[in-house]
C-alpha atoms as a PDB file:
ATOM      1  CA  MET A   1       3.812-110.854  15.965  1.00  0.00           C
ATOM      2  CA  SER A   2       3.667-114.567  15.718  1.00  0.00           C
ATOM      3  CA  ALA A   3       1.488-116.588  13.593  1.00  0.00           C
ATOM      4  CA  VAL A   4      -2.490-116.523  14.604  1.00  0.00           C
ATOM      5  CA  VAL A   5      -3.335-119.329  16.711  1.00  0.00           C
ATOM      6  CA  SER A   6      -6.283-121.368  15.540  1.00  0.00           C
ATOM      7  CA  ASP A   7      -7.820-124.539  15.092  1.00  0.00           C
ATOM      8  CA  VAL A   8      -8.158-123.798  11.408  1.00  0.00           C
ATOM      9  CA  VAL A   9      -5.309-124.091   9.393  1.00  0.00           C
ATOM     10  CA  PRO A  10      -4.927-121.237   6.918  1.00  0.00           C
ATOM     11  CA  ASP A  11      -4.539-121.463   3.243  1.00  0.00           C
ATOM     12  CA  LEU A  12      -1.936-118.650   3.362  1.00  0.00           C
ATOM     13  CA  TYR A  13       0.084-116.617   5.440  1.00  0.00           C
ATOM     14  CA  LEU A  14       0.594-113.099   5.099  1.00  0.00           C
ATOM     15  CA  ALA A  15       3.790-111.567   6.100  1.00  0.00           C
ATOM     16  CA  SER A  16       2.426-108.039   6.933  1.00  0.00           C
ATOM     17  CA  GLN A  17       0.981-106.084   9.552  1.00  0.00           C
ATOM     18  CA  SER A  18      -0.966-103.995   7.149  1.00  0.00           C
ATOM     19  CA  PRO A  19      -4.916-104.039   7.986  1.00  0.00           C
ATOM     20  CA  ARG A  20      -5.343-102.930   4.188  1.00  0.00           C
ATOM     21  CA  ARG A  21      -3.597-105.888   2.972  1.00  0.00           C
ATOM     22  CA  ARG A  22      -5.735-108.170   5.103  1.00  0.00           C
ATOM     23  CA  GLU A  23      -9.028-106.597   3.924  1.00  0.00           C
ATOM     24  CA  LEU A  24      -7.956-107.051   0.261  1.00  0.00           C
ATOM     25  CA  LEU A  25      -7.542-110.870   0.955  1.00  0.00           C
ATOM     26  CA  ARG A  26     -10.805-111.034   2.963  1.00  0.00           C
ATOM     27  CA  GLN A  27     -12.544-109.152  -0.038  1.00  0.00           C
ATOM     28  CA  ILE A  28     -11.719-112.097  -2.226  1.00  0.00           C
ATOM     29  CA  GLY A  29     -12.256-114.901   0.477  1.00  0.00           C
ATOM     30  CA  VAL A  30      -8.710-116.157   1.321  1.00  0.00           C
ATOM     31  CA  ARG A  31      -8.510-118.126   4.354  1.00  0.00           C
ATOM     32  CA  HIS A  32      -5.287-116.442   5.927  1.00  0.00           C
ATOM     33  CA  ALA A  33      -3.392-115.849   9.023  1.00  0.00           C
ATOM     34  CA  VAL A  34      -0.671-113.218   9.760  1.00  0.00           C
ATOM     35  CA  ILE A  35       3.137-114.052  10.408  1.00  0.00           C
ATOM     36  CA  SER A  36       5.866-111.617  11.343  1.00  0.00           C
ATOM     37  CA  ALA A  37       8.559-110.417   8.915  1.00  0.00           C
ATOM     38  CA  ALA A  38      10.788-107.693  10.350  1.00  0.00           C
ATOM     39  CA  ILE A  39      12.842-106.674   7.307  1.00  0.00           C
ATOM     40  CA  PRO A  40      14.722-103.386   7.267  1.00  0.00           C
ATOM     41  CA  GLU A  41      13.497-100.971   4.833  1.00  0.00           C
ATOM     42  CA  GLN A  42      16.372 -99.113   3.262  1.00  0.00           C
ATOM     43  CA  PRO A  43      17.537 -99.210  -0.411  1.00  0.00           C
ATOM     44  CA  ALA A  44      20.870-100.775  -0.968  1.00  0.00           C
ATOM     45  CA  ALA A  45      23.694 -98.712  -2.628  1.00  0.00           C
ATOM     46  CA  GLY A  46      22.673 -98.246  -6.153  1.00  0.00           C
ATOM     47  CA  GLU A  47      19.563-100.353  -6.123  1.00  0.00           C
ATOM     48  CA  THR A  48      16.880 -99.317  -8.323  1.00  0.00           C
ATOM     49  CA  ALA A  49      13.384 -98.517  -6.969  1.00  0.00           C
ATOM     50  CA  LEU A  50      12.031-101.682  -8.862  1.00  0.00           C
ATOM     51  CA  ASP A  51      14.770-103.756  -7.586  1.00  0.00           C
ATOM     52  CA  TYR A  52      14.211-102.519  -4.133  1.00  0.00           C
ATOM     53  CA  VAL A  53      10.560-103.013  -4.036  1.00  0.00           C
ATOM     54  CA  ARG A  54      11.238-106.794  -5.722  1.00  0.00           C
ATOM     55  CA  ARG A  55      13.657-107.677  -2.842  1.00  0.00           C
ATOM     56  CA  LEU A  56      11.628-106.474  -0.023  1.00  0.00           C
ATOM     57  CA  ALA A  57       8.359-108.303  -0.925  1.00  0.00           C
ATOM     58  CA  SER A  58      10.538-111.457  -1.556  1.00  0.00           C
ATOM     59  CA  GLU A  59      12.640-111.006   1.922  1.00  0.00           C
ATOM     60  CA  LYS A  60       9.205-110.409   3.617  1.00  0.00           C
ATOM     61  CA  ALA A  61       7.776-113.847   2.104  1.00  0.00           C
ATOM     62  CA  ALA A  62      11.144-115.864   2.893  1.00  0.00           C
ATOM     63  CA  ALA A  63      11.288-114.324   6.605  1.00  0.00           C
ATOM     64  CA  GLY A  64       7.531-115.250   7.223  1.00  0.00           C
ATOM     65  CA  TYR A  65       8.290-119.037   5.724  1.00  0.00           C
ATOM     66  CA  ALA A  66      11.263-119.125   8.204  1.00  0.00           C
ATOM     67  CA  GLN A  67       9.164-118.130  11.214  1.00  0.00           C
ATOM     68  CA  LEU A  68       6.624-120.874  10.061  1.00  0.00           C
ATOM     69  CA  LEU A  69       9.371-123.199  10.115  1.00  0.00           C
ATOM     70  CA  GLN A  70      10.985-122.036  13.389  1.00  0.00           C
ATOM     71  CA  GLN A  71       7.626-122.315  15.218  1.00  0.00           C
ATOM     72  CA  GLN A  72       6.782-125.407  13.633  1.00  0.00           C
ATOM     73  CA  SER A  73       3.223-124.005  12.637  1.00  0.00           C
ATOM     74  CA  PRO A  74       1.063-125.579  10.128  1.00  0.00           C
ATOM     75  CA  ILE A  75       2.890-125.209   6.574  1.00  0.00           C
ATOM     76  CA  ALA A  76       1.229-122.947   4.098  1.00  0.00           C
ATOM     77  CA  PRO A  77       2.438-120.586   1.399  1.00  0.00           C
ATOM     78  CA  VAL A  78       3.725-117.024   2.801  1.00  0.00           C
ATOM     79  CA  LEU A  79       2.915-113.843   0.993  1.00  0.00           C
ATOM     80  CA  GLY A  80       5.158-110.677   1.127  1.00  0.00           C
ATOM     81  CA  ALA A  81       4.452-107.482  -0.383  1.00  0.00           C
ATOM     82  CA  ASP A  82       5.785-104.106  -0.516  1.00  0.00           C
ATOM     83  CA  THR A  83       4.671-100.858  -2.050  1.00  0.00           C
ATOM     84  CA  LEU A  84       6.276 -97.565  -2.874  1.00  0.00           C
ATOM     85  CA  GLY A  85       5.307 -94.353  -4.787  1.00  0.00           C
ATOM     86  CA  LEU A  86       7.745 -92.815  -7.225  1.00  0.00           C
ATOM     87  CA  LEU A  87       7.734 -89.051  -8.459  1.00  0.00           C
ATOM     88  CA  ASP A  88      10.410 -88.015 -11.046  1.00  0.00           C
ATOM     89  CA  GLY A  89      12.135 -91.214 -10.164  1.00  0.00           C
ATOM     90  CA  GLU A  90      12.428 -90.354  -6.638  1.00  0.00           C
ATOM     91  CA  ILE A  91      10.832 -92.720  -4.037  1.00  0.00           C
ATOM     92  CA  LEU A  92       8.028 -91.185  -1.947  1.00  0.00           C
ATOM     93  CA  GLU A  93       8.595 -92.101   1.703  1.00  0.00           C
ATOM     94  CA  LYS A  94       6.439 -91.985   4.865  1.00  0.00           C
ATOM     95  CA  PRO A  95       6.433 -88.427   6.116  1.00  0.00           C
ATOM     96  CA  ARG A  96       9.278 -87.517   8.839  1.00  0.00           C
ATOM     97  CA  ASP A  97       6.932 -84.800  10.066  1.00  0.00           C
ATOM     98  CA  GLN A  98       4.283 -82.458   9.104  1.00  0.00           C
ATOM     99  CA  ALA A  99       6.638 -80.252   7.152  1.00  0.00           C
ATOM    100  CA  HIS A 100       7.979 -83.188   5.210  1.00  0.00           C
ATOM    101  CA  ALA A 101       3.935 -84.664   4.286  1.00  0.00           C
ATOM    102  CA  GLN A 102       2.836 -81.146   3.225  1.00  0.00           C
ATOM    103  CA  GLN A 103       6.184 -80.830   1.070  1.00  0.00           C
ATOM    104  CA  MET A 104       5.246 -83.970  -0.724  1.00  0.00           C
ATOM    105  CA  LEU A 105       1.494 -83.282  -1.076  1.00  0.00           C
ATOM    106  CA  ARG A 106       2.477 -80.110  -2.875  1.00  0.00           C
ATOM    107  CA  GLN A 107       4.880 -81.891  -5.230  1.00  0.00           C
ATOM    108  CA  LEU A 108       1.929 -84.464  -5.942  1.00  0.00           C
ATOM    109  CA  SER A 109      -0.314 -81.486  -6.577  1.00  0.00           C
ATOM    110  CA  GLY A 110      -1.544 -81.457 -10.180  1.00  0.00           C
ATOM    111  CA  ARG A 111       0.849 -84.226 -11.451  1.00  0.00           C
ATOM    112  CA  THR A 112       1.021 -87.896 -12.019  1.00  0.00           C
ATOM    113  CA  HIS A 113       2.906 -90.250  -9.825  1.00  0.00           C
ATOM    114  CA  GLN A 114       3.436 -94.149 -10.056  1.00  0.00           C
ATOM    115  CA  VAL A 115       2.663 -96.600  -7.359  1.00  0.00           C
ATOM    116  CA  ILE A 116       4.564 -99.959  -7.609  1.00  0.00           C
ATOM    117  CA  THR A 117       3.814-102.880  -5.438  1.00  0.00           C
ATOM    118  CA  ALA A 118       5.518-106.083  -5.616  1.00  0.00           C
ATOM    119  CA  VAL A 119       3.907-109.452  -4.407  1.00  0.00           C
ATOM    120  CA  ALA A 120       5.764-112.673  -3.455  1.00  0.00           C
ATOM    121  CA  LEU A 121       4.819-116.093  -2.630  1.00  0.00           C
ATOM    122  CA  HIS A 122       6.941-118.808  -0.901  1.00  0.00           C
ATOM    123  CA  SER A 123       6.351-122.427  -0.168  1.00  0.00           C
ATOM    124  CA  HIS A 124       8.446-125.316   0.455  1.00  0.00           C
ATOM    125  CA  THR A 125       8.752-126.237  -3.253  1.00  0.00           C
ATOM    126  CA  GLN A 126       8.257-122.735  -5.049  1.00  0.00           C
ATOM    127  CA  GLN A 127       8.936-119.136  -4.950  1.00  0.00           C
ATOM    128  CA  ALA A 128       7.230-116.468  -7.464  1.00  0.00           C
ATOM    129  CA  LEU A 129       6.808-112.948  -7.738  1.00  0.00           C
ATOM    130  CA  ARG A 130       4.595-110.326  -9.548  1.00  0.00           C
ATOM    131  CA  VAL A 131       4.814-106.528  -9.940  1.00  0.00           C
ATOM    132  CA  SER A 132       2.142-104.170 -10.640  1.00  0.00           C
ATOM    133  CA  THR A 133       2.205-100.377 -11.389  1.00  0.00           C
ATOM    134  CA  THR A 134      -0.284 -97.693 -11.403  1.00  0.00           C
ATOM    135  CA  HIS A 135      -0.239 -94.214 -12.384  1.00  0.00           C
ATOM    136  CA  VAL A 136      -2.226 -91.788 -10.239  1.00  0.00           C
ATOM    137  CA  THR A 137      -2.876 -88.253 -10.944  1.00  0.00           C
ATOM    138  CA  PHE A 138      -3.837 -85.643  -8.341  1.00  0.00           C
ATOM    139  CA  ARG A 139      -5.810 -82.548  -8.875  1.00  0.00           C
ATOM    140  CA  GLU A 140      -4.341 -79.084  -7.920  1.00  0.00           C
ATOM    141  CA  LEU A 141      -4.427 -79.049  -4.043  1.00  0.00           C
ATOM    142  CA  GLY A 142      -4.426 -75.886  -1.816  1.00  0.00           C
ATOM    143  CA  ASP A 143      -2.265 -75.313   1.225  1.00  0.00           C
ATOM    144  CA  ALA A 144      -5.292 -75.199   3.401  1.00  0.00           C
ATOM    145  CA  GLU A 145      -6.428 -78.466   2.623  1.00  0.00           C
ATOM    146  CA  ILE A 146      -3.143 -80.039   2.699  1.00  0.00           C
ATOM    147  CA  ALA A 147      -2.828 -78.572   6.344  1.00  0.00           C
ATOM    148  CA  ALA A 148      -6.157 -79.735   7.239  1.00  0.00           C
ATOM    149  CA  TYR A 149      -5.404 -83.239   5.945  1.00  0.00           C
ATOM    150  CA  TRP A 150      -2.295 -83.647   8.372  1.00  0.00           C
ATOM    151  CA  LYS A 151      -4.640 -82.905  11.171  1.00  0.00           C
ATOM    152  CA  THR A 152      -6.724 -85.971  10.338  1.00  0.00           C
ATOM    153  CA  GLY A 153      -3.858 -87.948  11.178  1.00  0.00           C
ATOM    154  CA  GLU A 154      -4.295 -90.130   8.192  1.00  0.00           C
ATOM    155  CA  PRO A 155      -0.948 -89.334   6.322  1.00  0.00           C
ATOM    156  CA  GLN A 156       1.371 -90.030   9.089  1.00  0.00           C
ATOM    157  CA  ASP A 157       2.119 -93.525   8.193  1.00  0.00           C
ATOM    158  CA  LYS A 158       1.391 -93.554   4.490  1.00  0.00           C
ATOM    159  CA  ALA A 159       4.093 -93.639   1.591  1.00  0.00           C
ATOM    160  CA  GLY A 160       3.628 -90.268  -0.289  1.00  0.00           C
ATOM    161  CA  GLY A 161       1.602 -88.757   2.724  1.00  0.00           C
ATOM    162  CA  TYR A 162      -1.948 -89.862   1.583  1.00  0.00           C
ATOM    163  CA  GLY A 163      -4.165 -92.929   1.824  1.00  0.00           C
ATOM    164  CA  ILE A 164      -6.238 -93.408  -1.436  1.00  0.00           C
ATOM    165  CA  GLN A 165      -8.503 -95.848   0.518  1.00  0.00           C
ATOM    166  CA  GLY A 166      -9.255 -93.351   2.917  1.00  0.00           C
ATOM    167  CA  LEU A 167      -9.712 -89.424   3.240  1.00  0.00           C
ATOM    168  CA  GLY A 168      -7.009 -88.931   0.820  1.00  0.00           C
ATOM    169  CA  ALA A 169      -9.332 -90.264  -2.046  1.00  0.00           C
ATOM    170  CA  VAL A 170     -10.521 -86.433  -2.429  1.00  0.00           C
ATOM    171  CA  PHE A 171      -7.080 -85.884  -4.168  1.00  0.00           C
ATOM    172  CA  VAL A 172      -7.255 -88.146  -6.732  1.00  0.00           C
ATOM    173  CA  LYS A 173      -8.266 -87.124 -10.301  1.00  0.00           C
ATOM    174  CA  GLU A 174      -7.439 -90.127 -12.270  1.00  0.00           C
ATOM    175  CA  ILE A 175      -6.002 -93.819 -11.949  1.00  0.00           C
ATOM    176  CA  ARG A 176      -4.543 -95.520 -14.773  1.00  0.00           C
ATOM    177  CA  GLY A 177      -3.924 -99.073 -13.819  1.00  0.00           C
ATOM    178  CA  SER A 178      -4.904-101.138 -10.580  1.00  0.00           C
ATOM    179  CA  TYR A 179      -6.471 -99.651  -7.620  1.00  0.00           C
ATOM    180  CA  SER A 180      -5.703-102.278  -5.202  1.00  0.00           C
ATOM    181  CA  CYS A 181      -2.065-101.967  -6.131  1.00  0.00           C
ATOM    182  CA  VAL A 182      -2.288 -98.423  -4.820  1.00  0.00           C
ATOM    183  CA  VAL A 183      -3.867 -99.722  -1.744  1.00  0.00           C
ATOM    184  CA  GLY A 184      -1.049-102.124  -1.058  1.00  0.00           C
ATOM    185  CA  LEU A 185      -2.065-105.557  -2.489  1.00  0.00           C
ATOM    186  CA  PRO A 186      -2.710-105.591  -6.454  1.00  0.00           C
ATOM    187  CA  ILE A 187      -5.661-108.323  -6.508  1.00  0.00           C
ATOM    188  CA  GLU A 188      -4.972-109.407 -10.309  1.00  0.00           C
ATOM    189  CA  ALA A 189      -1.230-109.944  -9.592  1.00  0.00           C
ATOM    190  CA  THR A 190      -2.044-111.807  -6.586  1.00  0.00           C
ATOM    191  CA  LEU A 191      -4.688-113.991  -7.991  1.00  0.00           C
ATOM    192  CA  GLU A 192      -1.983-115.154 -10.354  1.00  0.00           C
ATOM    193  CA  LEU A 193       0.106-116.324  -7.465  1.00  0.00           C
ATOM    194  CA  LEU A 194      -2.637-117.917  -5.842  1.00  0.00           C
ATOM    195  CA  GLN A 195      -3.480-119.967  -8.892  1.00  0.00           C
ATOM    196  CA  GLU A 196       0.006-120.869  -9.644  1.00  0.00           C
ATOM    197  CA  PHE A 197       0.657-122.181  -5.777  1.00  0.00           C
ATOM    198  CA  GLY A 198      -3.092-123.725  -5.681  1.00  0.00           C
ATOM    199  CA  VAL A 199      -4.166-121.394  -2.995  1.00  0.00           C
ATOM    200  CA  PRO A 200      -8.043-121.124  -2.840  1.00  0.00           C
ATOM    201  CA  TRP A 201     -10.134-118.093  -2.739  1.00  0.00           C
ATOM    202  CA  TRP A 202     -13.847-117.362  -2.330  1.00  0.00           C
ATOM    203  CA  THR A 203     -13.672-119.608   0.846  1.00  0.00           C
ATOM    204  CA  ALA A 204     -16.488-119.368   3.586  1.00  0.00           C
ATOM    205  CA  GLY A 205     -15.160-118.123   6.944  1.00  0.00           C
ATOM    206  CA  VAL A 206     -12.102-116.452   5.953  1.00  0.00           C
ATOM    207  CA  ASP A 207     -10.662-115.303   9.166  1.00  0.00           C
ATOM    208  CA  VAL A 208      -8.374-117.551  10.999  1.00  0.00           C
END
């Protein structure tokens, strides 16, 4: 997907197709547009989960900025982000199928897992990155509700097999850390980057 064409120059480009990240930027009034950033999402041999999520966020921001230069689009900083879940040090992937999704939710039942989101911002003069980690505790889940949740269609493209901003919210017993980190874009870490790069927020008419 190319950058959104508009008469209004955005203050920021988002290198993500995630509607949840767009909504969080709208929530804090950041005037932004979307730019493509097709990055293979596969850990390198020996790469830790933290290094992996940091690398993907940075590569997405860099790829988005390269797209702007190639298209000769109005230049503004590009934000890249990546989110992953961890349980017992293992990355929680997007479910391959129903059986995989149900297996992950059984593993998460009654336990605490970590959600890590890295946010990177690139411009022609600066590159910076922040990482946020949130601990999420699930209540005990029954097999019947796990099966019923799959039928809603919500978990099919969600890391860990659930969406905290949607129907999966009923699974959560406790959160320690940033809620928006679990959704996919930690607002407090993002705000630090916006301040560092001089990108405004609380802007009227944020859709570009």
